Amino acid sequence: MARSTKRYRAKEISTDEKQLVTRLHELARKHPRYGYRMMTAKLRQEGWQVNFKRVYRLWRKEGLKVPKKTRKKRRLGHSGNSCVRRRAEHKDHVWCWDFIHDRTTSGKALKWLAITDEYTRECLALEVDRSITAEKVVDVLVNLFISRGVPKHIRSDNGPEFIAEVIGEHAKRTGLEMLYVEPGSPWENGFAESFFSRLRDELLNCEEFANLAEARWFARRRKEEHNEERPHSSLNYQTPSAFSAGCAAASAPAAPTLQPRHNRQCKPLPLTQSILS
């Protein structure tokens, strides 16, 4: 007889196998990271007389599989003032500031204050002194307001210099809104953290300052280098000054304009790229 005249007729699924399949689905929902071998072990713990080949057959038949691992999502933080939730939309829209500490060769303290424009990535001020109080911070702000204008917002942490009454009174007089991030959440002030990580890596960890005057000279040099010479990856490897000039020229049709990233004028850039720059 020809083999083609005969074929196997599947037996009706037994009650035992139906119960086994039902139990497999229950275990798959409870342990989604388990594969068929682990399921076999779990079934044997419960008293099922099965081998892994039978479980594998039913596993494939029912379309069960271990899902691929997914990357953990970085949360946006709890504060509505974070650099992800309240992003800079144009030049001089949001500034950020913060402090970083270092020491001279004699062991005396150095305190650095940096103010940056989150949109253009420009370093607007880089001051260093033995101590910087809230009054000195206001003096730096006043000089910036005269030369550059008043921004819409300034983002900062809850340091005593930034939450001082003199800062709040000055902000009210000038119409400046302060964006205070959640305490203990430095990533919400990510642009300031990124600037200081580069400052620490490229300057403070490489140079040893003999005195305050030398530190101030390096501060002026660093500010100039950051704005005029250092390419920024989130600005399509333009310097912050070149990108800022392109943004300013966009409002004046007669002035030559630079082509920002993706051929769009002054497009806000993703935070993840800015942090890695």
Foldseek 3Di string as FASTA:
>chain_A
DDPVVDDDDDDDDDPVVVVVLVVVVVVCVVCVQDDLVVVVVVVVVVPDPDDSVVSVVSCVVVVRDRDDDDDDDDDLADFCLFCVNDPDDAWLAEKEKDWDWDAAPVRQIKIWIWIATRQLRATQDIDIDSDAALVNVVVSVVVCCVVPNHYQEYEYEPDCSCPDPVNVVVCVVRNYYYRYHDPPCCCSRLSNVLVVVCCCVVPRVPDHHNDDVRVVVVRVVVNCCQQPPFFQVQFVGDRSVLLNVQLVCVVPVVDDHDQTPPRDRSGGGDPVSRSVD
